[in-house]
């Protein structure tokens, strides 16, 4: 699913069928359910999941925890806007 279609799906009441668990997590986060997003991301042990997990802790404001997860993702600690990072993750995972 491309970024535009994913963003359009945010007007729905449920995430699109057939998307990955990590995209589902990002969908829930964007809809305001950080807890559900975190539950999904923390149960997956991949570099992509670590990136989503880092983003979520950055969104939460827990920067030391976010830095830990960026390291596990093999990514530099993000300092740009939250919106830009969310869109970059969705574009890469989509």
N, C-alpha and C. Protein backbone atom coordinates (compact mmCIF):
# COMPACT_ATOMS: atom_id res chain seq x y z
N UNK A 1 0.86 -1.17 0.00
CA UNK A 1 0.00 0.00 0.00
C UNK A 1 0.90 1.23 0.00
N UNK A 2 0.62 2.16 -0.90
CA UNK A 2 1.46 3.36 -0.95
C UNK A 2 1.04 4.37 0.12
N UNK A 3 1.89 5.36 0.31
CA UNK A 3 1.69 6.35 1.38
C UNK A 3 0.35 7.06 1.25
N UNK A 4 0.01 7.48 0.05
CA UNK A 4 -1.24 8.23 -0.15
C UNK A 4 -2.45 7.39 0.24
N UNK A 5 -2.48 6.15 -0.22
CA UNK A 5 -3.60 5.27 0.11
C UNK A 5 -3.65 5.00 1.61
N UNK A 6 -2.48 4.84 2.22
CA UNK A 6 -2.44 4.60 3.65
C UNK A 6 -2.98 5.80 4.41
N UNK A 7 -2.56 6.99 4.02
CA UNK A 7 -3.07 8.20 4.69
C UNK A 7 -4.58 8.33 4.50
N UNK A 8 -5.08 7.98 3.33
CA UNK A 8 -6.52 8.05 3.09
C UNK A 8 -7.28 7.05 3.96
N UNK A 9 -6.63 5.93 4.28
CA UNK A 9 -7.29 4.91 5.11
C UNK A 9 -7.55 5.39 6.53
N UNK A 10 -6.91 6.48 6.92
CA UNK A 10 -7.07 6.98 8.29
C UNK A 10 -8.47 7.52 8.56
N UNK A 11 -9.24 7.73 7.50
CA UNK A 11 -10.63 8.19 7.70
C UNK A 11 -11.56 7.03 8.04
N UNK A 12 -11.06 5.81 7.91
CA UNK A 12 -11.87 4.62 8.23
C UNK A 12 -11.84 4.35 9.73
N UNK A 13 -12.69 3.45 10.16
CA UNK A 13 -12.76 3.10 11.59
C UNK A 13 -11.87 1.91 11.95
N UNK A 14 -11.33 1.24 10.93
CA UNK A 14 -10.43 0.10 11.17
C UNK A 14 -9.31 0.16 10.15
N UNK A 15 -8.16 -0.40 10.50
CA UNK A 15 -7.05 -0.40 9.54
C UNK A 15 -7.39 -1.22 8.30
N UNK A 16 -6.74 -0.91 7.18
CA UNK A 16 -7.01 -1.67 5.95
C UNK A 16 -6.68 -3.16 6.13
N UNK A 17 -7.44 -3.99 5.48
CA UNK A 17 -7.19 -5.43 5.53
C UNK A 17 -5.92 -5.75 4.76
N UNK A 18 -5.16 -6.70 5.29
CA UNK A 18 -4.01 -7.20 4.58
C UNK A 18 -2.72 -6.41 4.74
N UNK A 19 -2.73 -5.35 5.56
CA UNK A 19 -1.48 -4.62 5.77
C UNK A 19 -0.67 -5.33 6.86
N UNK A 20 0.61 -5.02 6.89
CA UNK A 20 1.50 -5.65 7.86
C UNK A 20 1.16 -5.20 9.29
N UNK A 21 1.57 -5.99 10.27
CA UNK A 21 1.36 -5.57 11.66
C UNK A 21 2.02 -4.22 11.97
N UNK A 22 3.18 -3.95 11.41
CA UNK A 22 3.84 -2.67 11.71
C UNK A 22 3.08 -1.49 11.11
N UNK A 23 2.53 -1.66 9.91
CA UNK A 23 1.69 -0.60 9.36
C UNK A 23 0.41 -0.46 10.19
N UNK A 24 -0.10 -1.58 10.68
CA UNK A 24 -1.26 -1.51 11.56
C UNK A 24 -0.93 -0.71 12.82
N UNK A 25 0.25 -0.93 13.37
CA UNK A 25 0.68 -0.17 14.55
C UNK A 25 0.72 1.32 14.23
N UNK A 26 1.30 1.68 13.10
CA UNK A 26 1.39 3.10 12.72
C UNK A 26 0.01 3.69 12.45
N UNK A 27 -0.89 2.87 11.92
CA UNK A 27 -2.26 3.32 11.70
C UNK A 27 -2.92 3.65 13.04
N UNK A 28 -2.78 2.75 14.02
CA UNK A 28 -3.37 2.99 15.34
C UNK A 28 -2.76 4.22 16.02
N UNK A 29 -1.45 4.37 15.90
CA UNK A 29 -0.81 5.54 16.51
C UNK A 29 -1.38 6.83 15.92
N UNK A 30 -1.51 6.85 14.62
CA UNK A 30 -2.02 8.07 13.97
C UNK A 30 -3.46 8.34 14.34
N UNK A 31 -4.21 7.28 14.65
CA UNK A 31 -5.61 7.44 15.07
C UNK A 31 -5.73 7.77 16.56
N UNK A 32 -4.57 7.87 17.26
CA UNK A 32 -4.59 8.28 18.66
C UNK A 32 -4.49 7.15 19.66
N UNK A 33 -4.27 5.93 19.20
CA UNK A 33 -4.17 4.80 20.11
C UNK A 33 -2.72 4.35 20.23
N UNK A 34 -1.92 5.15 20.95
CA UNK A 34 -0.50 4.87 21.12
C UNK A 34 -0.30 3.52 21.81
N UNK A 35 -1.13 3.20 22.78
CA UNK A 35 -0.97 1.95 23.52
C UNK A 35 -1.10 0.75 22.60
N UNK A 36 -2.11 0.72 21.76
CA UNK A 36 -2.29 -0.40 20.82
C UNK A 36 -1.11 -0.48 19.87
N UNK A 37 -0.67 0.66 19.37
CA UNK A 37 0.48 0.69 18.46
C UNK A 37 1.72 0.10 19.13
N UNK A 38 1.94 0.48 20.38
CA UNK A 38 3.10 0.00 21.12
C UNK A 38 3.00 -1.50 21.37
N UNK A 39 1.82 -1.97 21.72
CA UNK A 39 1.63 -3.41 21.95
C UNK A 39 2.01 -4.22 20.71
N UNK A 40 1.63 -3.73 19.56
CA UNK A 40 1.95 -4.43 18.31
C UNK A 40 3.45 -4.41 18.05
N UNK A 41 4.05 -3.23 18.11
CA UNK A 41 5.47 -3.07 17.76
C UNK A 41 6.38 -3.82 18.71
N UNK A 42 6.07 -3.82 19.98
CA UNK A 42 6.98 -4.44 20.95
C UNK A 42 6.98 -5.96 20.86
N UNK A 43 6.00 -6.54 20.20
CA UNK A 43 5.94 -8.00 20.08
C UNK A 43 6.62 -8.53 18.82
N UNK A 44 7.24 -7.66 18.04
CA UNK A 44 7.90 -8.06 16.80
C UNK A 44 9.40 -7.79 16.95
N UNK A 45 10.21 -8.75 16.60
CA UNK A 45 11.66 -8.65 16.79
C UNK A 45 12.38 -8.55 15.44
N UNK A 46 12.26 -7.37 14.81
CA UNK A 46 12.97 -7.09 13.56
C UNK A 46 13.52 -5.67 13.64
N UNK A 47 14.40 -5.35 12.71
CA UNK A 47 14.92 -3.97 12.67
C UNK A 47 13.82 -2.97 12.34
N UNK A 48 12.90 -3.35 11.45
CA UNK A 48 11.79 -2.45 11.12
C UNK A 48 10.91 -2.21 12.35
N UNK A 49 10.67 -3.26 13.12
CA UNK A 49 9.88 -3.11 14.34
C UNK A 49 10.60 -2.21 15.34
N UNK A 50 11.92 -2.35 15.43
CA UNK A 50 12.69 -1.49 16.33
C UNK A 50 12.57 -0.03 15.89
N UNK A 51 12.52 0.22 14.58
CA UNK A 51 12.35 1.59 14.07
C UNK A 51 10.98 2.14 14.47
N UNK A 52 9.94 1.34 14.28
CA UNK A 52 8.60 1.77 14.69
C UNK A 52 8.57 1.99 16.19
N UNK A 53 9.18 1.09 16.94
CA UNK A 53 9.23 1.20 18.40
C UNK A 53 9.95 2.49 18.81
N UNK A 54 11.05 2.80 18.14
CA UNK A 54 11.78 4.05 18.41
C UNK A 54 10.89 5.26 18.15
N UNK A 55 10.23 5.26 17.01
CA UNK A 55 9.32 6.35 16.67
C UNK A 55 8.26 6.54 17.75
N UNK A 56 7.68 5.42 18.19
CA UNK A 56 6.62 5.50 19.19
C UNK A 56 7.12 6.11 20.50
N UNK A 57 8.32 5.71 20.92
CA UNK A 57 8.85 6.28 22.17
C UNK A 57 9.25 7.74 21.99
N UNK A 58 9.68 8.08 20.78
CA UNK A 58 9.96 9.50 20.51
C UNK A 58 8.65 10.29 20.58
N UNK A 59 7.60 9.75 19.99
CA UNK A 59 6.28 10.40 20.03
C UNK A 59 5.83 10.58 21.48
N UNK A 60 6.10 9.57 22.29
CA UNK A 60 5.73 9.60 23.70
C UNK A 60 6.54 10.63 24.49
N UNK A 61 7.71 10.98 23.97
CA UNK A 61 8.59 11.90 24.67
C UNK A 61 9.67 11.22 25.49
N UNK A 62 9.77 9.90 25.38
CA UNK A 62 10.79 9.13 26.10
C UNK A 62 12.02 8.98 25.20
N UNK A 63 12.80 10.04 25.13
CA UNK A 63 13.92 10.09 24.18
C UNK A 63 15.03 9.10 24.49
N UNK A 64 15.39 8.83 25.76
CA UNK A 64 16.41 7.81 26.00
C UNK A 64 15.96 6.42 25.52
N UNK A 65 14.71 6.07 25.74
CA UNK A 65 14.19 4.79 25.27
C UNK A 65 14.14 4.77 23.74
N UNK A 66 13.75 5.88 23.14
CA UNK A 66 13.73 5.97 21.68
C UNK A 66 15.14 5.75 21.13
N UNK A 67 16.14 6.37 21.75
CA UNK A 67 17.52 6.21 21.27
C UNK A 67 17.96 4.75 21.32
N UNK A 68 17.56 4.06 22.37
CA UNK A 68 17.86 2.62 22.50
C UNK A 68 17.30 1.86 21.30
N UNK A 69 16.06 2.14 20.93
CA UNK A 69 15.42 1.43 19.83
C UNK A 69 15.97 1.85 18.48
N UNK A 70 16.36 3.12 18.33
CA UNK A 70 17.02 3.53 17.07
C UNK A 70 18.31 2.73 16.88
N UNK A 71 19.06 2.53 17.94
CA UNK A 71 20.29 1.72 17.84
C UNK A 71 19.97 0.31 17.37
N UNK A 72 18.93 -0.29 17.95
CA UNK A 72 18.54 -1.64 17.54
C UNK A 72 18.06 -1.69 16.09
N UNK A 73 17.52 -0.59 15.62
CA UNK A 73 17.05 -0.52 14.24
C UNK A 73 18.20 -0.24 13.27
N UNK A 74 19.35 0.14 13.82
CA UNK A 74 20.46 0.51 12.95
C UNK A 74 20.24 1.85 12.28
N UNK A 75 19.49 2.72 12.94
CA UNK A 75 19.15 4.04 12.40
C UNK A 75 19.71 5.12 13.31
N UNK A 76 20.05 6.27 12.73
CA UNK A 76 20.43 7.39 13.60
C UNK A 76 19.21 7.90 14.35
N UNK A 77 19.45 8.48 15.50
CA UNK A 77 18.35 9.07 16.26
C UNK A 77 17.74 10.19 15.43
N UNK A 78 16.46 10.11 15.22
CA UNK A 78 15.75 11.09 14.39
C UNK A 78 15.60 12.41 15.13
N UNK A 79 15.80 13.49 14.41
CA UNK A 79 15.64 14.82 15.00
C UNK A 79 14.68 15.69 14.19
N UNK A 80 14.21 15.17 13.06
CA UNK A 80 13.27 15.92 12.24
C UNK A 80 11.87 15.87 12.83
N UNK A 81 10.91 16.30 12.03
CA UNK A 81 9.54 16.34 12.53
C UNK A 81 8.97 14.93 12.67
N UNK A 82 8.05 14.78 13.58
CA UNK A 82 7.38 13.51 13.78
C UNK A 82 6.62 13.12 12.50
N UNK A 83 6.01 14.08 11.87
CA UNK A 83 5.25 13.83 10.64
C UNK A 83 6.16 13.28 9.55
N UNK A 84 7.32 13.89 9.37
CA UNK A 84 8.25 13.41 8.34
C UNK A 84 8.71 11.99 8.64
N UNK A 85 8.99 11.70 9.90
CA UNK A 85 9.45 10.36 10.23
C UNK A 85 8.32 9.34 10.03
N UNK A 86 7.12 9.65 10.47
CA UNK A 86 5.99 8.74 10.28
C UNK A 86 5.82 8.43 8.81
N UNK A 87 5.85 9.45 7.99
CA UNK A 87 5.67 9.26 6.54
C UNK A 87 6.81 8.45 5.94
N UNK A 88 8.03 8.66 6.41
CA UNK A 88 9.18 7.90 5.91
C UNK A 88 9.05 6.42 6.26
N UNK A 89 8.61 6.14 7.47
CA UNK A 89 8.44 4.73 7.89
C UNK A 89 7.33 4.08 7.07
N UNK A 90 6.20 4.75 6.94
CA UNK A 90 5.09 4.19 6.17
C UNK A 90 5.52 3.95 4.73
N UNK A 91 6.22 4.91 4.14
CA UNK A 91 6.67 4.76 2.74
C UNK A 91 7.60 3.56 2.60
N UNK A 92 8.50 3.38 3.54
CA UNK A 92 9.43 2.26 3.45
C UNK A 92 8.76 0.92 3.70
N UNK A 93 7.85 0.87 4.66
CA UNK A 93 7.20 -0.39 5.00
C UNK A 93 6.05 -0.73 4.06
N UNK A 94 5.51 0.29 3.39
CA UNK A 94 4.36 0.07 2.51
C UNK A 94 4.76 -0.56 1.23
